[in-house]
Amino acid sequence: MSEMDASTKLEIYKLVLARYKDLINEKESRSISEIRARVSPYNDFVRKMRDSMLTDMVPYVPKSQFFVAAQRAMSYVSSIRTCEFSFAFWMDFKEMDSLKFGTAMDKSILLAALLRSFESEDAKVLVSGKGKTFVKFTYEGTQYLFVTESGSMLVGEDAMKTFADDPVAYSFNDLVYENYEES
């Protein structure tokens, strides 16, 4: 039997995924509680990542060092390439770190978890009506919005103007879930 070339293997994998897409969607579905739990600042991976980002800030003083830590976390998350699937698929943080790939939602959840681990009380994942994901947090009275898809950051009023044409549908972190869409 001859070896299959990479192109043929890829086409077969695509066929398998297309055929079992509904089953994958069913198996990958998560409850709101399960998704919120992923934002936990107490996750082992998040704790290790937090510690590695703060090695030169011991003891860590959130009041004066949070923004530097946040910038490091945003830079790290930006270094992970964004990929979207035509079906529901969640990657854990270790997988994203290893592959340097993740969905915008997974990347947003990771950033929010890191910000929460740096003691941000209000870091949240925001999801727009069109499904775009963002991470919002406040530092020294100023609102910041991390645009997961592009890795850019908007500040103050510019941050909230983003939602003029595509309002926030819901937001969450490990502590709260807020749905802004009318029933």
N, C-alpha and C. Protein backbone atom coordinates (compact mmCIF):
# COMPACT_ATOMS: atom_id res chain seq x y z
N MET A 1 0.84 -1.18 0.00
CA MET A 1 0.00 0.00 0.00
C MET A 1 0.89 1.25 0.00
N SER A 2 0.56 2.20 -0.83
CA SER A 2 1.40 3.40 -0.94
C SER A 2 1.03 4.44 0.12
N GLU A 3 1.99 5.27 0.47
CA GLU A 3 1.77 6.37 1.42
C GLU A 3 0.86 7.41 0.80
N MET A 4 0.00 7.97 1.62
CA MET A 4 -0.89 9.02 1.17
C MET A 4 -0.17 10.37 1.29
N ASP A 5 -0.30 11.20 0.26
CA ASP A 5 0.35 12.51 0.32
C ASP A 5 -0.44 13.44 1.25
N ALA A 6 0.23 14.48 1.70
CA ALA A 6 -0.35 15.42 2.67
C ALA A 6 -1.64 16.06 2.16
N SER A 7 -1.68 16.40 0.89
CA SER A 7 -2.87 17.03 0.30
C SER A 7 -4.08 16.10 0.36
N THR A 8 -3.88 14.84 0.07
CA THR A 8 -4.97 13.87 0.13
C THR A 8 -5.44 13.67 1.57
N LYS A 9 -4.48 13.57 2.50
CA LYS A 9 -4.84 13.44 3.92
C LYS A 9 -5.68 14.63 4.37
N LEU A 10 -5.28 15.82 3.98
CA LEU A 10 -6.02 17.02 4.35
C LEU A 10 -7.45 16.96 3.82
N GLU A 11 -7.62 16.56 2.59
CA GLU A 11 -8.97 16.46 2.01
C GLU A 11 -9.82 15.43 2.74
N ILE A 12 -9.22 14.32 3.15
CA ILE A 12 -9.96 13.31 3.91
C ILE A 12 -10.35 13.86 5.28
N TYR A 13 -9.43 14.55 5.95
CA TYR A 13 -9.75 15.15 7.24
C TYR A 13 -10.89 16.16 7.10
N LYS A 14 -10.86 16.95 6.04
CA LYS A 14 -11.94 17.92 5.80
C LYS A 14 -13.27 17.20 5.59
N LEU A 15 -13.25 16.10 4.88
CA LEU A 15 -14.46 15.32 4.65
C LEU A 15 -15.01 14.76 5.96
N VAL A 16 -14.14 14.21 6.79
CA VAL A 16 -14.55 13.67 8.09
C VAL A 16 -15.17 14.77 8.95
N LEU A 17 -14.50 15.93 9.02
CA LEU A 17 -15.01 17.04 9.82
C LEU A 17 -16.37 17.52 9.31
N ALA A 18 -16.51 17.62 8.00
CA ALA A 18 -17.79 18.06 7.44
C ALA A 18 -18.89 17.05 7.78
N ARG A 19 -18.59 15.79 7.69
CA ARG A 19 -19.58 14.73 7.95
C ARG A 19 -20.02 14.72 9.42
N TYR A 20 -19.09 14.95 10.33
CA TYR A 20 -19.38 14.84 11.76
C TYR A 20 -19.50 16.19 12.47
N LYS A 21 -19.69 17.23 11.70
CA LYS A 21 -19.78 18.60 12.23
C LYS A 21 -20.87 18.71 13.31
N ASP A 22 -22.05 18.17 13.07
CA ASP A 22 -23.15 18.27 14.04
C ASP A 22 -22.81 17.55 15.34
N LEU A 23 -22.18 16.40 15.24
CA LEU A 23 -21.78 15.64 16.42
C LEU A 23 -20.72 16.42 17.21
N ILE A 24 -19.78 17.00 16.50
CA ILE A 24 -18.75 17.80 17.16
C ILE A 24 -19.40 18.99 17.87
N ASN A 25 -20.32 19.68 17.20
CA ASN A 25 -21.01 20.81 17.82
C ASN A 25 -21.71 20.38 19.10
N GLU A 26 -22.35 19.22 19.06
CA GLU A 26 -23.07 18.72 20.22
C GLU A 26 -22.11 18.41 21.36
N LYS A 27 -21.01 17.74 21.06
CA LYS A 27 -20.04 17.35 22.09
C LYS A 27 -19.26 18.54 22.64
N GLU A 28 -19.11 19.58 21.85
CA GLU A 28 -18.33 20.75 22.26
C GLU A 28 -19.18 21.84 22.91
N SER A 29 -20.49 21.65 22.99
CA SER A 29 -21.32 22.71 23.58
C SER A 29 -21.00 22.83 25.07
N ARG A 30 -21.03 24.06 25.56
CA ARG A 30 -20.72 24.34 26.96
C ARG A 30 -21.83 25.21 27.55
N SER A 31 -22.09 25.00 28.83
CA SER A 31 -23.06 25.83 29.53
C SER A 31 -22.42 27.17 29.88
N ILE A 32 -23.23 28.14 30.22
CA ILE A 32 -22.72 29.44 30.64
C ILE A 32 -21.79 29.27 31.85
N SER A 33 -22.19 28.42 32.78
CA SER A 33 -21.36 28.18 33.98
C SER A 33 -20.01 27.60 33.61
N GLU A 34 -19.97 26.66 32.67
CA GLU A 34 -18.70 26.05 32.25
C GLU A 34 -17.81 27.09 31.57
N ILE A 35 -18.41 27.95 30.75
CA ILE A 35 -17.63 28.98 30.06
C ILE A 35 -17.09 29.99 31.07
N ARG A 36 -17.95 30.41 31.99
CA ARG A 36 -17.50 31.36 33.02
C ARG A 36 -16.37 30.78 33.85
N ALA A 37 -16.43 29.49 34.15
CA ALA A 37 -15.39 28.86 34.97
C ALA A 37 -14.03 28.92 34.30
N ARG A 38 -14.01 29.00 32.98
CA ARG A 38 -12.72 29.07 32.26
C ARG A 38 -11.99 30.38 32.54
N VAL A 39 -12.70 31.40 32.98
CA VAL A 39 -12.09 32.71 33.26
C VAL A 39 -11.44 32.73 34.65
N SER A 40 -11.48 31.64 35.34
CA SER A 40 -10.97 31.60 36.70
C SER A 40 -9.48 31.97 36.78
N PRO A 41 -9.17 32.89 37.70
CA PRO A 41 -7.77 33.26 37.90
C PRO A 41 -7.02 32.17 38.68
N TYR A 42 -7.72 31.13 39.13
CA TYR A 42 -7.12 30.08 39.96
C TYR A 42 -6.76 28.82 39.16
N ASN A 43 -6.99 28.84 37.86
CA ASN A 43 -6.63 27.74 36.98
C ASN A 43 -5.11 27.55 37.05
N ASP A 44 -4.64 26.30 37.07
CA ASP A 44 -3.20 26.03 37.19
C ASP A 44 -2.38 26.70 36.09
N PHE A 45 -2.86 26.59 34.84
CA PHE A 45 -2.12 27.20 33.73
C PHE A 45 -2.05 28.71 33.91
N VAL A 46 -3.17 29.32 34.29
CA VAL A 46 -3.22 30.78 34.48
C VAL A 46 -2.27 31.19 35.60
N ARG A 47 -2.26 30.44 36.68
CA ARG A 47 -1.34 30.77 37.79
C ARG A 47 0.13 30.70 37.35
N LYS A 48 0.47 29.66 36.60
CA LYS A 48 1.86 29.53 36.13
C LYS A 48 2.22 30.67 35.17
N MET A 49 1.29 30.99 34.27
CA MET A 49 1.53 32.08 33.31
C MET A 49 1.66 33.40 34.07
N ARG A 50 0.79 33.62 35.03
CA ARG A 50 0.84 34.83 35.86
C ARG A 50 2.21 34.95 36.52
N ASP A 51 2.64 33.87 37.16
CA ASP A 51 3.94 33.89 37.86
C ASP A 51 5.08 34.18 36.89
N SER A 52 5.03 33.60 35.69
CA SER A 52 6.11 33.83 34.72
C SER A 52 6.11 35.27 34.21
N MET A 53 4.95 35.90 34.17
CA MET A 53 4.86 37.29 33.70
C MET A 53 5.26 38.29 34.78
N LEU A 54 5.27 37.83 36.03
CA LEU A 54 5.55 38.75 37.15
C LEU A 54 6.88 38.46 37.84
N THR A 55 7.78 37.70 37.21
CA THR A 55 9.03 37.32 37.88
C THR A 55 9.86 38.52 38.32
N ASP A 56 9.77 39.62 37.58
CA ASP A 56 10.56 40.81 37.95
C ASP A 56 9.74 41.80 38.79
N MET A 57 8.55 41.39 39.21
CA MET A 57 7.69 42.28 40.02
C MET A 57 7.31 41.60 41.33
N VAL A 58 8.30 41.17 42.08
CA VAL A 58 8.02 40.51 43.34
C VAL A 58 8.48 41.42 44.47
N PRO A 59 7.62 41.78 45.38
CA PRO A 59 6.21 41.41 45.43
C PRO A 59 5.40 42.24 44.41
N TYR A 60 4.36 41.61 43.87
CA TYR A 60 3.49 42.26 42.90
C TYR A 60 2.56 43.23 43.62
N VAL A 61 2.55 44.48 43.15
CA VAL A 61 1.69 45.51 43.74
C VAL A 61 0.70 45.96 42.66
N PRO A 62 -0.53 45.43 42.69
CA PRO A 62 -1.49 45.71 41.63
C PRO A 62 -1.72 47.20 41.36
N LYS A 63 -1.77 47.97 42.39
CA LYS A 63 -2.06 49.40 42.22
C LYS A 63 -1.07 50.08 41.29
N SER A 64 0.21 49.73 41.39
CA SER A 64 1.23 50.39 40.56
C SER A 64 1.74 49.53 39.41
N GLN A 65 1.53 48.22 39.46
CA GLN A 65 2.13 47.35 38.45
C GLN A 65 1.11 46.66 37.54
N PHE A 66 -0.17 46.84 37.80
CA PHE A 66 -1.20 46.13 37.02
C PHE A 66 -1.08 46.41 35.52
N PHE A 67 -0.91 47.66 35.14
CA PHE A 67 -0.94 47.97 33.71
C PHE A 67 0.23 47.33 32.96
N VAL A 68 1.39 47.28 33.57
CA VAL A 68 2.54 46.60 32.94
C VAL A 68 2.23 45.11 32.79
N ALA A 69 1.67 44.51 33.82
CA ALA A 69 1.29 43.10 33.76
C ALA A 69 0.23 42.89 32.68
N ALA A 70 -0.75 43.78 32.60
CA ALA A 70 -1.81 43.67 31.59
C ALA A 70 -1.22 43.75 30.18
N GLN A 71 -0.27 44.66 29.98
CA GLN A 71 0.37 44.78 28.67
C GLN A 71 1.11 43.50 28.29
N ARG A 72 1.75 42.88 29.25
CA ARG A 72 2.43 41.61 29.00
C ARG A 72 1.43 40.53 28.59
N ALA A 73 0.31 40.49 29.30
CA ALA A 73 -0.72 39.49 28.99
C ALA A 73 -1.31 39.74 27.60
N MET A 74 -1.56 41.01 27.25
CA MET A 74 -2.10 41.33 25.93
C MET A 74 -1.10 40.97 24.84
N SER A 75 0.16 41.22 25.08
CA SER A 75 1.20 40.87 24.11
C SER A 75 1.26 39.36 23.91
N TYR A 76 1.19 38.63 25.00
CA TYR A 76 1.22 37.17 24.93
C TYR A 76 0.01 36.66 24.13
N VAL A 77 -1.18 37.13 24.46
CA VAL A 77 -2.39 36.68 23.77
C VAL A 77 -2.34 37.08 22.29
N SER A 78 -1.79 38.24 21.99
CA SER A 78 -1.65 38.68 20.59
C SER A 78 -0.70 37.79 19.80
N SER A 79 0.24 37.16 20.50
CA SER A 79 1.19 36.29 19.81
C SER A 79 0.57 34.95 19.40
N ILE A 80 -0.59 34.66 19.93
CA ILE A 80 -1.32 33.44 19.56
C ILE A 80 -2.18 33.77 18.34
N ARG A 81 -1.95 33.04 17.26
CA ARG A 81 -2.70 33.30 16.03
C ARG A 81 -4.16 32.91 16.20
N THR A 82 -5.03 33.68 15.57
CA THR A 82 -6.46 33.43 15.67
C THR A 82 -6.91 32.53 14.53
N CYS A 83 -7.65 31.51 14.89
CA CYS A 83 -8.25 30.65 13.87
C CYS A 83 -9.68 30.37 14.29
N GLU A 84 -10.57 30.35 13.34
CA GLU A 84 -11.97 30.05 13.62
C GLU A 84 -12.35 28.77 12.89
N PHE A 85 -13.28 28.06 13.45
CA PHE A 85 -13.73 26.80 12.89
C PHE A 85 -15.17 26.95 12.42
N SER A 86 -15.60 26.06 11.52
CA SER A 86 -16.99 26.09 11.05
C SER A 86 -17.88 25.26 11.97
N PHE A 87 -17.35 24.90 13.13
CA PHE A 87 -18.09 24.14 14.12
C PHE A 87 -17.58 24.57 15.49
N ALA A 88 -18.33 24.23 16.54
CA ALA A 88 -17.92 24.59 17.89
C ALA A 88 -16.69 23.76 18.28
N PHE A 89 -15.67 24.43 18.78
CA PHE A 89 -14.47 23.72 19.21
C PHE A 89 -13.74 24.59 20.23
N TRP A 90 -13.59 24.06 21.42
CA TRP A 90 -12.90 24.77 22.49
C TRP A 90 -11.49 24.21 22.64
N MET A 91 -10.52 25.10 22.79
CA MET A 91 -9.15 24.67 23.06
C MET A 91 -8.82 25.08 24.49
N ASP A 92 -8.11 24.20 25.20
CA ASP A 92 -7.71 24.62 26.54
C ASP A 92 -6.46 25.49 26.42
N PHE A 93 -6.12 26.15 27.51
CA PHE A 93 -5.03 27.12 27.47
C PHE A 93 -3.69 26.47 27.12
N LYS A 94 -3.44 25.27 27.63
CA LYS A 94 -2.19 24.58 27.31
C LYS A 94 -2.09 24.28 25.82
N GLU A 95 -3.20 23.84 25.23
CA GLU A 95 -3.21 23.55 23.79
C GLU A 95 -2.92 24.82 22.99
N MET A 96 -3.55 25.92 23.39
CA MET A 96 -3.31 27.19 22.69
C MET A 96 -1.86 27.62 22.83
N ASP A 97 -1.30 27.47 24.02
CA ASP A 97 0.07 27.86 24.26
C ASP A 97 1.02 27.00 23.41
N SER A 98 0.76 25.72 23.36
CA SER A 98 1.60 24.79 22.62
C SER A 98 1.52 25.01 21.11
N LEU A 99 0.32 25.17 20.59
CA LEU A 99 0.12 25.31 19.15
C LEU A 99 0.25 26.75 18.65
N LYS A 100 0.14 27.72 19.57
CA LYS A 100 0.14 29.15 19.24
C LYS A 100 -1.02 29.49 18.29
N PHE A 101 -2.14 28.78 18.49
CA PHE A 101 -3.38 29.01 17.76
C PHE A 101 -4.52 29.00 18.75
N GLY A 102 -5.57 29.75 18.48
CA GLY A 102 -6.77 29.69 19.31
C GLY A 102 -7.87 30.49 18.66
N THR A 103 -9.10 30.20 19.05
CA THR A 103 -10.21 30.99 18.54
C THR A 103 -10.20 32.34 19.26
N ALA A 104 -10.87 33.31 18.69
CA ALA A 104 -10.95 34.63 19.33
C ALA A 104 -11.58 34.50 20.71
N MET A 105 -12.59 33.64 20.84
CA MET A 105 -13.25 33.45 22.14
C MET A 105 -12.27 32.84 23.15
N ASP A 106 -11.56 31.79 22.77
CA ASP A 106 -10.60 31.18 23.68
C ASP A 106 -9.51 32.16 24.09
N LYS A 107 -9.04 32.97 23.15
CA LYS A 107 -8.02 33.97 23.46
C LYS A 107 -8.57 35.03 24.41
N SER A 108 -9.81 35.44 24.19
CA SER A 108 -10.44 36.43 25.08
C SER A 108 -10.58 35.88 26.49
N ILE A 109 -11.01 34.63 26.59
CA ILE A 109 -11.17 34.00 27.90
C ILE A 109 -9.81 33.92 28.61
N LEU A 110 -8.77 33.55 27.88
CA LEU A 110 -7.43 33.47 28.47
C LEU A 110 -6.98 34.84 28.98
N LEU A 111 -7.16 35.88 28.17
CA LEU A 111 -6.75 37.22 28.60
C LEU A 111 -7.54 37.66 29.82
N ALA A 112 -8.85 37.45 29.82
CA ALA A 112 -9.67 37.85 30.97
C ALA A 112 -9.20 37.10 32.22
N ALA A 113 -8.89 35.81 32.09
CA ALA A 113 -8.41 35.03 33.24
C ALA A 113 -7.09 35.60 33.76
N LEU A 114 -6.19 35.94 32.85
CA LEU A 114 -4.91 36.52 33.27
C LEU A 114 -5.12 37.87 33.96
N LEU A 115 -5.97 38.71 33.40
CA LEU A 115 -6.24 40.01 34.02
C LEU A 115 -6.87 39.84 35.40
N ARG A 116 -7.76 38.87 35.53
CA ARG A 116 -8.35 38.59 36.84
C ARG A 116 -7.26 38.10 37.80
N SER A 117 -6.29 37.34 37.30
CA SER A 117 -5.22 36.85 38.17
C SER A 117 -4.30 37.99 38.61
N PHE A 118 -4.28 39.08 37.83
CA PHE A 118 -3.51 40.27 38.21
C PHE A 118 -4.35 41.19 39.11
N GLU A 119 -5.48 40.69 39.55
CA GLU A 119 -6.38 41.36 40.49
C GLU A 119 -7.26 42.43 39.87
N SER A 120 -7.57 42.30 38.59
CA SER A 120 -8.56 43.19 37.98
C SER A 120 -9.94 42.68 38.40
N GLU A 121 -10.69 43.53 39.07
CA GLU A 121 -12.02 43.14 39.53
C GLU A 121 -13.03 43.10 38.40
N ASP A 122 -12.82 43.93 37.38
CA ASP A 122 -13.88 44.07 36.35
C ASP A 122 -13.50 43.54 34.97
N ALA A 123 -12.39 42.83 34.84
CA ALA A 123 -12.02 42.28 33.52
C ALA A 123 -13.10 41.31 33.08
N LYS A 124 -13.62 41.53 31.86
CA LYS A 124 -14.71 40.70 31.33
C LYS A 124 -14.52 40.45 29.86
N VAL A 125 -15.03 39.33 29.41
CA VAL A 125 -15.14 39.05 27.99
C VAL A 125 -16.46 39.66 27.53
N LEU A 126 -16.41 40.42 26.44
CA LEU A 126 -17.61 40.99 25.83
C LEU A 126 -17.80 40.33 24.47
N VAL A 127 -19.03 39.98 24.16
CA VAL A 127 -19.35 39.38 22.88
C VAL A 127 -20.43 40.22 22.21
N SER A 128 -20.15 40.67 20.99
CA SER A 128 -21.09 41.52 20.28
C SER A 128 -22.19 40.67 19.64
N GLY A 129 -23.22 41.32 19.16
CA GLY A 129 -24.31 40.64 18.49
C GLY A 129 -23.86 39.84 17.28
N LYS A 130 -22.79 40.30 16.63
CA LYS A 130 -22.26 39.59 15.46
C LYS A 130 -21.22 38.54 15.85
N GLY A 131 -21.02 38.34 17.17
CA GLY A 131 -20.11 37.30 17.64
C GLY A 131 -18.67 37.70 17.78
N LYS A 132 -18.35 38.98 17.65
CA LYS A 132 -16.97 39.44 17.85
C LYS A 132 -16.68 39.46 19.36
N THR A 133 -15.45 39.10 19.72
CA THR A 133 -15.10 39.06 21.14
C THR A 133 -14.07 40.13 21.49
N PHE A 134 -14.20 40.62 22.70
CA PHE A 134 -13.35 41.68 23.23
C PHE A 134 -13.11 41.39 24.71
N VAL A 135 -12.10 42.07 25.28
CA VAL A 135 -11.88 42.01 26.72
C VAL A 135 -11.84 43.45 27.22
N LYS A 136 -12.69 43.73 28.20
CA LYS A 136 -12.78 45.08 28.76
C LYS A 136 -12.26 45.04 30.20
N PHE A 137 -11.50 46.09 30.56
CA PHE A 137 -11.08 46.24 31.94
C PHE A 137 -10.87 47.72 32.22
N THR A 138 -10.82 48.06 33.49
CA THR A 138 -10.63 49.43 33.92
C THR A 138 -9.34 49.51 34.73
N TYR A 139 -8.59 50.59 34.49
CA TYR A 139 -7.41 50.84 35.30
C TYR A 139 -7.34 52.33 35.56
N GLU A 140 -7.23 52.68 36.83
CA GLU A 140 -7.18 54.08 37.27
C GLU A 140 -8.30 54.92 36.65
N GLY A 141 -9.50 54.36 36.63
CA GLY A 141 -10.68 55.08 36.16
C GLY A 141 -10.85 55.14 34.65
N THR A 142 -9.93 54.58 33.90
CA THR A 142 -10.02 54.60 32.43
C THR A 142 -10.40 53.20 31.93
N GLN A 143 -11.34 53.17 30.98
CA GLN A 143 -11.74 51.89 30.39
C GLN A 143 -10.84 51.54 29.22
N TYR A 144 -10.47 50.26 29.15
CA TYR A 144 -9.66 49.73 28.06
C TYR A 144 -10.42 48.59 27.42
N LEU A 145 -10.29 48.49 26.10
CA LEU A 145 -10.95 47.42 25.36
C LEU A 145 -9.92 46.77 24.45
N PHE A 146 -9.66 45.49 24.70
CA PHE A 146 -8.73 44.73 23.87
C PHE A 146 -9.55 44.07 22.77
N VAL A 147 -9.17 44.33 21.52
CA VAL A 147 -9.85 43.76 20.36
C VAL A 147 -9.11 42.47 20.03
N THR A 148 -9.71 41.36 20.38
CA THR A 148 -9.01 40.06 20.29
C THR A 148 -8.57 39.73 18.88
N GLU A 149 -9.44 39.97 17.91
CA GLU A 149 -9.13 39.62 16.52
C GLU A 149 -7.86 40.30 16.01
N SER A 150 -7.71 41.58 16.32
CA SER A 150 -6.58 42.35 15.78
C SER A 150 -5.43 42.50 16.78
N GLY A 151 -5.69 42.25 18.06
CA GLY A 151 -4.66 42.44 19.07
C GLY A 151 -4.46 43.90 19.42
N SER A 152 -5.40 44.76 19.02
CA SER A 152 -5.27 46.19 19.31
C SER A 152 -6.02 46.55 20.59
N MET A 153 -5.73 47.73 21.10
CA MET A 153 -6.39 48.18 22.32
C MET A 153 -6.99 49.57 22.08
N LEU A 154 -8.21 49.73 22.53
CA LEU A 154 -8.89 51.03 22.46
C LEU A 154 -9.04 51.55 23.88
N VAL A 155 -9.00 52.88 24.02
CA VAL A 155 -8.99 53.49 25.34
C VAL A 155 -10.14 54.49 25.48
N GLY A 156 -10.75 54.53 26.66
CA GLY A 156 -11.75 55.53 27.00
C GLY A 156 -12.99 55.46 26.12
N GLU A 157 -13.43 56.63 25.64
CA GLU A 157 -14.65 56.71 24.83
C GLU A 157 -14.53 55.93 23.53
N ASP A 158 -13.32 55.89 22.94
CA ASP A 158 -13.11 55.13 21.70
C ASP A 158 -13.48 53.66 21.91
N ALA A 159 -13.23 53.16 23.11
CA ALA A 159 -13.51 51.76 23.40
C ALA A 159 -15.00 51.47 23.22
N MET A 160 -15.84 52.31 23.75
CA MET A 160 -17.27 52.03 23.71
C MET A 160 -17.91 52.40 22.37
N LYS A 161 -17.26 53.27 21.59
CA LYS A 161 -17.77 53.59 20.25
C LYS A 161 -17.77 52.36 19.35
N THR A 162 -16.92 51.40 19.67
CA THR A 162 -16.82 50.16 18.91
C THR A 162 -18.18 49.47 18.78
N PHE A 163 -19.03 49.66 19.76
CA PHE A 163 -20.29 48.93 19.82
C PHE A 163 -21.47 49.71 19.26
N ALA A 164 -21.21 50.84 18.60
CA ALA A 164 -22.30 51.65 18.04
C ALA A 164 -23.09 50.87 16.99
N ASP A 165 -22.40 50.16 16.11
CA ASP A 165 -23.07 49.42 15.04
C ASP A 165 -23.27 47.94 15.37
N ASP A 166 -22.61 47.47 16.38
CA ASP A 166 -22.70 46.05 16.75
C ASP A 166 -22.67 45.96 18.28
N PRO A 167 -23.82 46.19 18.93
CA PRO A 167 -23.86 46.26 20.39
C PRO A 167 -23.44 44.96 21.09
N VAL A 168 -23.02 45.11 22.33
CA VAL A 168 -22.65 43.96 23.15
C VAL A 168 -23.90 43.12 23.40
N ALA A 169 -23.81 41.83 23.13
CA ALA A 169 -24.92 40.91 23.38
C ALA A 169 -24.85 40.36 24.80
N TYR A 170 -23.64 40.00 25.22
CA TYR A 170 -23.45 39.51 26.58
C TYR A 170 -22.00 39.68 27.00
N SER A 171 -21.79 39.65 28.32
CA SER A 171 -20.44 39.75 28.87
C SER A 171 -20.35 38.81 30.06
N PHE A 172 -19.12 38.42 30.38
CA PHE A 172 -18.95 37.50 31.50
C PHE A 172 -17.51 37.49 31.98
N ASN A 173 -17.36 37.05 33.21
CA ASN A 173 -16.07 36.64 33.76
C ASN A 173 -16.40 35.50 34.71
N ASP A 174 -15.48 35.16 35.58
CA ASP A 174 -15.73 34.04 36.49
C ASP A 174 -16.79 34.35 37.53
N LEU A 175 -17.10 35.62 37.74
CA LEU A 175 -18.04 36.02 38.78
C LEU A 175 -19.45 36.33 38.27
N VAL A 176 -19.56 36.86 37.05
CA VAL A 176 -20.87 37.31 36.56
C VAL A 176 -21.09 36.96 35.09
N TYR A 177 -22.36 36.89 34.73
CA TYR A 177 -22.78 36.75 33.34
C TYR A 177 -23.90 37.76 33.15
N GLU A 178 -23.76 38.63 32.13
CA GLU A 178 -24.79 39.63 31.86
C GLU A 178 -25.23 39.51 30.40
N ASN A 179 -26.53 39.37 30.19
CA ASN A 179 -27.10 39.27 28.85
C ASN A 179 -27.78 40.60 28.55
N TYR A 180 -27.37 41.26 27.45
CA TYR A 180 -27.90 42.58 27.12
C TYR A 180 -28.96 42.53 26.02
N GLU A 181 -29.16 41.36 25.44
CA GLU A 181 -30.15 41.23 24.38
C GLU A 181 -31.52 41.09 24.99
N GLU A 182 -32.48 41.69 24.32
CA GLU A 182 -33.85 41.59 24.81
C GLU A 182 -34.41 40.21 24.48
N SER A 183 -35.20 39.71 25.40
CA SER A 183 -35.80 38.39 25.22
C SER A 183 -36.96 38.44 24.26
